[in-house]
Amino acid sequence: MDKKSKKRIQVLNQRIQQLRQRLSAEKKQPDDLRELKNLEDQLAAAEAELAKLKSSEQ
């Protein structure tokens, strides 16, 4: 695994953690359903990219 891939995985893990926290807060106090859907979509996209990176590096 090269340095660029390792860094991208690290950034994606941080982004996923941040998105999960925001999603949890949004579920507790749903002001805007579009924002909730947007966060879920962003989280799914980040997790898919992370899985793709991890599978291609093995």
N, C-alpha and C. Protein backbone atom coordinates (compact mmCIF):
# COMPACT_ATOMS: atom_id res chain seq x y z
N MET A 1 0.85 -1.16 0.00
CA MET A 1 0.00 0.00 0.00
C MET A 1 0.91 1.24 0.00
N ASP A 2 0.67 2.12 -0.94
CA ASP A 2 1.52 3.31 -1.02
C ASP A 2 1.03 4.39 -0.06
N LYS A 3 1.84 5.43 0.09
CA LYS A 3 1.54 6.49 1.05
C LYS A 3 0.24 7.22 0.71
N LYS A 4 0.00 7.40 -0.56
CA LYS A 4 -1.21 8.11 -0.98
C LYS A 4 -2.47 7.34 -0.58
N SER A 5 -2.46 6.04 -0.76
CA SER A 5 -3.60 5.22 -0.39
C SER A 5 -3.80 5.20 1.12
N LYS A 6 -2.71 5.09 1.86
CA LYS A 6 -2.80 5.10 3.32
C LYS A 6 -3.39 6.41 3.81
N LYS A 7 -2.95 7.51 3.24
CA LYS A 7 -3.46 8.82 3.63
C LYS A 7 -4.94 8.95 3.28
N ARG A 8 -5.34 8.46 2.12
CA ARG A 8 -6.74 8.53 1.70
C ARG A 8 -7.62 7.71 2.64
N ILE A 9 -7.14 6.54 3.03
CA ILE A 9 -7.89 5.69 3.97
C ILE A 9 -8.03 6.40 5.31
N GLN A 10 -6.96 7.03 5.77
CA GLN A 10 -7.00 7.77 7.03
C GLN A 10 -8.01 8.91 6.96
N VAL A 11 -8.00 9.66 5.86
CA VAL A 11 -8.93 10.78 5.69
C VAL A 11 -10.37 10.27 5.63
N LEU A 12 -10.59 9.17 4.92
CA LEU A 12 -11.94 8.60 4.82
C LEU A 12 -12.44 8.11 6.18
N ASN A 13 -11.57 7.50 6.97
CA ASN A 13 -11.97 7.06 8.31
C ASN A 13 -12.39 8.24 9.18
N GLN A 14 -11.64 9.34 9.09
CA GLN A 14 -11.98 10.54 9.84
C GLN A 14 -13.31 11.11 9.36
N ARG A 15 -13.51 11.14 8.05
CA ARG A 15 -14.74 11.68 7.48
C ARG A 15 -15.95 10.82 7.90
N ILE A 16 -15.77 9.51 7.87
CA ILE A 16 -16.86 8.61 8.27
C ILE A 16 -17.21 8.83 9.74
N GLN A 17 -16.21 8.98 10.58
CA GLN A 17 -16.46 9.22 12.00
C GLN A 17 -17.24 10.53 12.18
N GLN A 18 -16.83 11.57 11.48
CA GLN A 18 -17.50 12.87 11.57
C GLN A 18 -18.95 12.77 11.07
N LEU A 19 -19.14 12.08 9.96
CA LEU A 19 -20.48 11.94 9.40
C LEU A 19 -21.39 11.15 10.32
N ARG A 20 -20.86 10.12 10.96
CA ARG A 20 -21.66 9.32 11.90
C ARG A 20 -22.10 10.18 13.09
N GLN A 21 -21.21 11.03 13.58
CA GLN A 21 -21.57 11.90 14.69
C GLN A 21 -22.65 12.90 14.27
N ARG A 22 -22.49 13.49 13.09
CA ARG A 22 -23.48 14.45 12.60
C ARG A 22 -24.82 13.76 12.35
N LEU A 23 -24.78 12.55 11.81
CA LEU A 23 -25.99 11.79 11.54
C LEU A 23 -26.72 11.46 12.84
N SER A 24 -25.97 11.05 13.84
CA SER A 24 -26.56 10.75 15.14
C SER A 24 -27.24 11.98 15.74
N ALA A 25 -26.58 13.10 15.67
CA ALA A 25 -27.15 14.35 16.20
C ALA A 25 -28.40 14.75 15.40
N GLU A 26 -28.34 14.57 14.11
CA GLU A 26 -29.48 14.93 13.25
C GLU A 26 -30.68 14.02 13.52
N LYS A 27 -30.42 12.75 13.82
CA LYS A 27 -31.52 11.83 14.12
C LYS A 27 -32.19 12.18 15.45
N LYS A 28 -31.41 12.70 16.40
CA LYS A 28 -31.97 13.08 17.69
C LYS A 28 -32.83 14.33 17.58
N GLN A 29 -32.45 15.22 16.64
CA GLN A 29 -33.20 16.46 16.47
C GLN A 29 -33.34 16.74 14.97
N PRO A 30 -34.27 16.06 14.33
CA PRO A 30 -34.40 16.21 12.87
C PRO A 30 -35.10 17.52 12.48
N ASP A 31 -34.29 18.50 12.09
CA ASP A 31 -34.84 19.78 11.65
C ASP A 31 -35.21 19.73 10.17
N ASP A 32 -34.40 19.03 9.41
CA ASP A 32 -34.60 19.00 7.97
C ASP A 32 -34.37 17.57 7.47
N LEU A 33 -35.39 16.96 6.93
CA LEU A 33 -35.27 15.57 6.46
C LEU A 33 -34.32 15.46 5.28
N ARG A 34 -34.20 16.52 4.48
CA ARG A 34 -33.26 16.49 3.36
C ARG A 34 -31.82 16.41 3.86
N GLU A 35 -31.54 17.09 4.96
CA GLU A 35 -30.19 17.04 5.53
C GLU A 35 -29.88 15.64 6.04
N LEU A 36 -30.85 15.00 6.66
CA LEU A 36 -30.68 13.63 7.14
C LEU A 36 -30.36 12.69 5.98
N LYS A 37 -31.12 12.80 4.91
CA LYS A 37 -30.88 11.97 3.72
C LYS A 37 -29.52 12.26 3.11
N ASN A 38 -29.15 13.55 3.06
CA ASN A 38 -27.86 13.96 2.51
C ASN A 38 -26.71 13.34 3.32
N LEU A 39 -26.80 13.39 4.63
CA LEU A 39 -25.76 12.81 5.48
C LEU A 39 -25.67 11.29 5.29
N GLU A 40 -26.81 10.63 5.17
CA GLU A 40 -26.81 9.19 4.94
C GLU A 40 -26.15 8.85 3.60
N ASP A 41 -26.43 9.66 2.57
CA ASP A 41 -25.84 9.43 1.26
C ASP A 41 -24.32 9.65 1.29
N GLN A 42 -23.89 10.71 1.97
CA GLN A 42 -22.46 10.99 2.08
C GLN A 42 -21.73 9.87 2.82
N LEU A 43 -22.36 9.39 3.89
CA LEU A 43 -21.77 8.31 4.68
C LEU A 43 -21.65 7.03 3.84
N ALA A 44 -22.69 6.71 3.11
CA ALA A 44 -22.66 5.51 2.26
C ALA A 44 -21.58 5.63 1.19
N ALA A 45 -21.44 6.81 0.60
CA ALA A 45 -20.42 7.02 -0.44
C ALA A 45 -19.02 6.89 0.14
N ALA A 46 -18.79 7.46 1.31
CA ALA A 46 -17.48 7.38 1.95
C ALA A 46 -17.14 5.94 2.33
N GLU A 47 -18.12 5.22 2.86
CA GLU A 47 -17.89 3.82 3.23
C GLU A 47 -17.62 2.96 2.00
N ALA A 48 -18.31 3.24 0.91
CA ALA A 48 -18.09 2.48 -0.33
C ALA A 48 -16.69 2.75 -0.87
N GLU A 49 -16.26 4.00 -0.84
CA GLU A 49 -14.92 4.32 -1.33
C GLU A 49 -13.85 3.67 -0.45
N LEU A 50 -14.08 3.67 0.86
CA LEU A 50 -13.13 3.04 1.77
C LEU A 50 -13.04 1.54 1.50
N ALA A 51 -14.17 0.90 1.32
CA ALA A 51 -14.18 -0.54 1.03
C ALA A 51 -13.47 -0.83 -0.29
N LYS A 52 -13.69 0.01 -1.28
CA LYS A 52 -13.04 -0.16 -2.58
C LYS A 52 -11.53 -0.03 -2.45
N LEU A 53 -11.08 0.97 -1.70
CA LEU A 53 -9.64 1.16 -1.49
C LEU A 53 -9.02 -0.03 -0.76
N LYS A 54 -9.68 -0.48 0.28
CA LYS A 54 -9.15 -1.60 1.06
C LYS A 54 -9.10 -2.89 0.25
N SER A 55 -10.12 -3.12 -0.58
CA SER A 55 -10.13 -4.35 -1.37
C SER A 55 -9.09 -4.30 -2.50
N SER A 56 -8.84 -3.14 -3.04
CA SER A 56 -7.87 -3.04 -4.14
C SER A 56 -6.43 -3.11 -3.64
N GLU A 57 -6.22 -2.83 -2.37
CA GLU A 57 -4.88 -2.84 -1.81
C GLU A 57 -4.44 -4.21 -1.30
N GLN A 58 -5.37 -5.15 -1.21
CA GLN A 58 -5.01 -6.46 -0.67
C GLN A 58 -4.51 -7.39 -1.70
